[in-house]
Amino acid sequence: MRMNRPCALLVLLLALLVLSGCATQVKRIEPDEVKDLSGAWNDTDSRLVSEEMIADMLKRPWVGDFRAEKGTRPAVIVGTLRNLSHEHINLNTFVADVERALVNSGRVDFVASAEEREEIRGERVDQDLNAREETRKPMGQELGADFMLKGQINTIIDHASKDQVRFYQVDLTLISLADNRKVWLGQKKIKKFVKRSKLRY
């Protein structure tokens, strides 16, 4: 059965409308704009938690006590941060947010991680062999950390039917490398209520 020309054009137009409705649409948004799509941990959680916890850490007595005793800013290094939650969390992004908050505070010196130090030490070895003497950076001049920041992220997921409550708890601990004293304990909790037509795990 052949369709007449107007019918064929109508079918073609409807097909184009259906295809355009299925096409992926992208809209650029500001990096700090809050968009919660799934209810899972996201970039906003990472940034806000790190900024709030580091601000709390830096206003506690340990900073002033150290400066009064040593006459200099404390040097901090980030140790292991563990994800003990039910979901995949990009800890590299969270660590970067923590590092940025520490460095930008101007209240502490920040020491490179073990991985970064290995790369830098390799560069010093290369300089020792290949760089001009007046530009070489000598071994044995590294700044030792005074404190290590460690922590973990935990979750509790509670759901019934189409509703879900996602609870996140971030615990950070600052430990003195000289004597293993815990000089600061920080905790941040986030609770999200998620309502959707179909739960996906």
Protein backbone atom coordinates (compact mmCIF):
# COMPACT_ATOMS: atom_id res chain seq x y z
CA MET A 1 0.00 0.00 0.00
CA ARG A 2 1.53 3.33 -1.13
CA MET A 3 1.08 6.42 1.02
CA ASN A 4 0.23 9.65 -0.70
CA ARG A 5 2.73 12.51 -0.49
CA PRO A 6 1.12 14.42 2.42
CA CYS A 7 0.97 11.26 4.54
CA ALA A 8 4.58 10.40 3.75
CA LEU A 9 5.69 13.90 4.77
CA LEU A 10 3.69 13.65 7.99
CA VAL A 11 5.29 10.29 8.87
CA LEU A 12 8.75 11.71 8.11
CA LEU A 13 8.07 14.77 10.28
CA LEU A 14 6.88 12.59 13.19
CA ALA A 15 9.96 10.39 12.86
CA LEU A 16 12.23 13.44 13.02
CA LEU A 17 10.41 14.72 16.10
CA VAL A 18 10.81 11.34 17.85
CA LEU A 19 14.52 11.18 16.98
CA SER A 20 15.17 14.73 18.14
CA GLY A 21 13.41 13.97 21.42
CA CYS A 22 15.78 11.05 22.01
CA ALA A 23 18.93 13.02 21.23
CA THR A 24 21.42 13.75 24.03
CA GLN A 25 21.25 17.32 25.27
CA VAL A 26 24.15 19.05 27.01
CA LYS A 27 23.95 22.27 28.98
CA ARG A 28 27.04 23.82 30.51
CA ILE A 29 26.74 24.84 34.16
CA GLU A 30 29.03 26.57 36.63
CA PRO A 31 31.46 24.22 38.46
CA ASP A 32 30.15 25.33 41.86
CA GLU A 33 26.47 24.95 40.92
CA VAL A 34 24.71 22.30 43.01
CA LYS A 35 23.12 19.48 40.99
CA ASP A 36 21.99 16.36 42.85
CA LEU A 37 20.85 13.81 40.29
CA SER A 38 21.18 10.41 41.96
CA GLY A 39 21.54 11.30 45.64
CA ALA A 40 25.03 9.75 45.65
CA TRP A 41 28.19 11.47 46.90
CA ASN A 42 29.15 14.16 44.38
CA ASP A 43 31.55 17.05 43.74
CA THR A 44 29.51 19.44 45.91
CA ASP A 45 29.71 17.06 48.89
CA SER A 46 33.47 16.69 48.41
CA ARG A 47 34.11 20.43 48.24
CA LEU A 48 31.80 21.49 51.07
CA VAL A 49 32.92 18.72 53.46
CA SER A 50 36.63 19.37 52.89
CA GLU A 51 36.30 23.15 53.27
CA GLU A 52 34.19 22.92 56.43
CA MET A 53 36.34 20.26 58.11
CA ILE A 54 39.67 21.94 57.33
CA ALA A 55 38.31 25.31 58.54
CA ASP A 56 37.33 23.62 61.82
CA MET A 57 40.71 21.89 62.10
CA LEU A 58 42.68 25.11 61.62
CA LYS A 59 40.81 27.06 64.30
CA ARG A 60 41.55 24.51 67.04
CA PRO A 61 44.28 24.98 69.71
CA TRP A 62 46.87 22.62 68.19
CA VAL A 63 47.95 25.21 65.58
CA GLY A 64 48.63 27.95 68.14
CA ASP A 65 50.23 25.49 70.57
CA PHE A 66 52.67 24.29 67.91
CA ARG A 67 53.60 27.81 66.79
CA ALA A 68 54.14 28.90 70.41
CA GLU A 69 56.43 25.93 71.08
CA LYS A 70 58.34 25.76 67.78
CA GLY A 71 58.06 29.31 66.47
CA THR A 72 57.05 28.13 63.01
CA ARG A 73 54.03 26.86 61.10
CA PRO A 74 53.22 23.15 61.49
CA ALA A 75 53.88 20.94 58.46
CA VAL A 76 51.00 18.62 57.52
CA ILE A 77 50.81 15.64 55.19
CA VAL A 78 47.70 13.76 54.06
CA GLY A 79 47.93 10.05 54.80
CA THR A 80 45.43 7.32 53.94
CA LEU A 81 41.80 8.28 53.41
CA ARG A 82 39.60 5.18 53.10
CA ASN A 83 36.27 4.75 51.39
CA LEU A 84 34.22 2.37 53.54
CA SER A 85 30.94 3.42 51.97
CA HIS A 86 28.48 1.42 49.85
CA GLU A 87 29.36 3.32 46.70
CA HIS A 88 32.32 4.29 44.58
CA ILE A 89 33.73 7.61 45.77
CA ASN A 90 36.61 9.24 43.93
CA LEU A 91 38.92 9.82 46.87
CA ASN A 92 41.49 11.57 44.66
CA THR A 93 39.05 14.45 44.21
CA PHE A 94 38.32 14.60 47.94
CA VAL A 95 42.05 14.52 48.81
CA ALA A 96 42.69 17.32 46.29
CA ASP A 97 39.92 19.39 47.92
CA VAL A 98 41.45 18.79 51.37
CA GLU A 99 44.95 19.70 50.14
CA ARG A 100 43.71 22.89 48.49
CA ALA A 101 41.91 24.00 51.65
CA LEU A 102 45.05 23.37 53.72
CA VAL A 103 47.47 25.12 51.36
CA ASN A 104 45.22 28.11 50.72
CA SER A 105 44.69 28.67 54.46
CA GLY A 106 48.27 29.93 54.82
CA ARG A 107 48.31 28.61 58.39
CA VAL A 108 50.27 25.41 57.78
CA ASP A 109 53.02 24.14 55.52
CA PHE A 110 51.94 21.26 53.35
CA VAL A 111 54.22 18.32 52.56
CA ALA A 112 54.05 16.36 49.30
CA SER A 113 52.65 12.83 49.39
CA ALA A 114 54.86 9.72 49.35
CA GLU A 115 54.17 9.20 45.63
CA GLU A 116 54.96 12.83 44.80
CA ARG A 117 58.16 12.70 46.87
CA GLU A 118 59.44 9.69 44.94
CA GLU A 119 59.02 11.55 41.65
CA ILE A 120 60.74 14.65 43.04
CA ARG A 121 63.62 12.59 44.43
CA GLY A 122 64.06 11.05 41.00
CA GLU A 123 64.30 14.55 39.54
CA ARG A 124 66.99 15.46 42.10
CA VAL A 125 69.01 12.39 41.11
CA ASP A 126 68.70 13.44 37.47
CA GLN A 127 69.79 16.98 38.35
CA ASP A 128 72.81 15.64 40.25
CA LEU A 129 73.96 13.97 37.04
CA ASN A 130 72.88 16.47 34.39
CA ALA A 131 72.17 19.95 35.77
CA ARG A 132 74.68 22.80 36.20
CA GLU A 133 76.15 22.86 39.70
CA GLU A 134 74.65 26.23 40.63
CA THR A 135 71.13 25.00 39.73
CA ARG A 136 71.24 21.56 41.38
CA LYS A 137 68.93 20.92 44.32
CA PRO A 138 70.75 18.89 47.01
CA MET A 139 69.42 15.76 48.69
CA GLY A 140 68.59 15.79 52.39
CA GLN A 141 66.86 19.18 52.48
CA GLU A 142 63.24 18.04 52.56
CA LEU A 143 60.73 19.43 55.03
CA GLY A 144 59.57 16.71 57.41
CA ALA A 145 55.90 16.61 58.32
CA ASP A 146 54.85 17.31 61.90
CA PHE A 147 51.31 15.95 61.55
CA MET A 148 49.51 13.40 59.39
CA LEU A 149 45.83 13.67 58.44
CA LYS A 150 44.01 10.36 58.11
CA GLY A 151 40.35 9.50 57.69
CA GLN A 152 37.47 7.51 56.27
CA ILE A 153 34.05 7.88 54.68
CA ASN A 154 31.19 5.63 55.81
CA THR A 155 27.59 5.34 54.66
CA ILE A 156 24.30 3.95 55.91
CA ILE A 157 21.60 3.37 53.28
CA ASP A 158 18.00 2.99 54.45
CA HIS A 159 15.26 2.40 51.89
CA ALA A 160 11.67 1.38 51.63
CA SER A 161 9.72 1.13 48.39
CA LYS A 162 10.62 4.19 46.29
CA ASP A 163 12.14 6.24 49.12
CA GLN A 164 15.73 6.18 50.25
CA VAL A 165 17.78 7.91 52.94
CA ARG A 166 21.52 8.11 52.30
CA PHE A 167 23.66 8.95 55.34
CA TYR A 168 27.33 9.85 54.94
CA GLN A 169 29.79 10.26 57.80
CA VAL A 170 33.29 11.61 57.19
CA ASP A 171 35.80 11.21 60.03
CA LEU A 172 39.23 12.87 59.89
CA THR A 173 42.01 12.56 62.47
CA LEU A 174 45.16 14.68 62.76
CA ILE A 175 48.03 12.78 64.39
CA SER A 176 51.35 14.12 65.69
CA LEU A 177 54.22 12.24 64.04
CA ALA A 178 56.49 12.98 67.00
CA ASP A 179 54.47 11.09 69.61
CA ASN A 180 51.31 9.67 67.95
CA ARG A 181 49.02 12.10 69.79
CA LYS A 182 45.67 12.77 68.17
CA VAL A 183 45.49 16.56 68.23
CA TRP A 184 42.22 16.98 66.31
CA LEU A 185 39.20 14.80 65.55
CA GLY A 186 36.77 16.05 62.94
CA GLN A 187 33.43 14.67 61.86
CA LYS A 188 30.95 15.75 59.20
CA LYS A 189 27.57 14.14 58.54
CA ILE A 190 25.42 14.44 55.43
CA LYS A 191 21.89 13.05 55.13
CA LYS A 192 19.96 12.94 51.86
CA PHE A 193 16.37 11.92 51.21
CA VAL A 194 15.95 10.47 47.71
CA LYS A 195 12.56 9.81 46.14
CA ARG A 196 12.46 8.21 42.72
CA SER A 197 10.33 5.93 40.61
CA LYS A 198 12.83 3.12 40.40
CA LEU A 199 15.68 2.40 42.81
CA ARG A 200 18.99 1.41 41.25
CA TYR A 201 21.85 -0.08 43.19
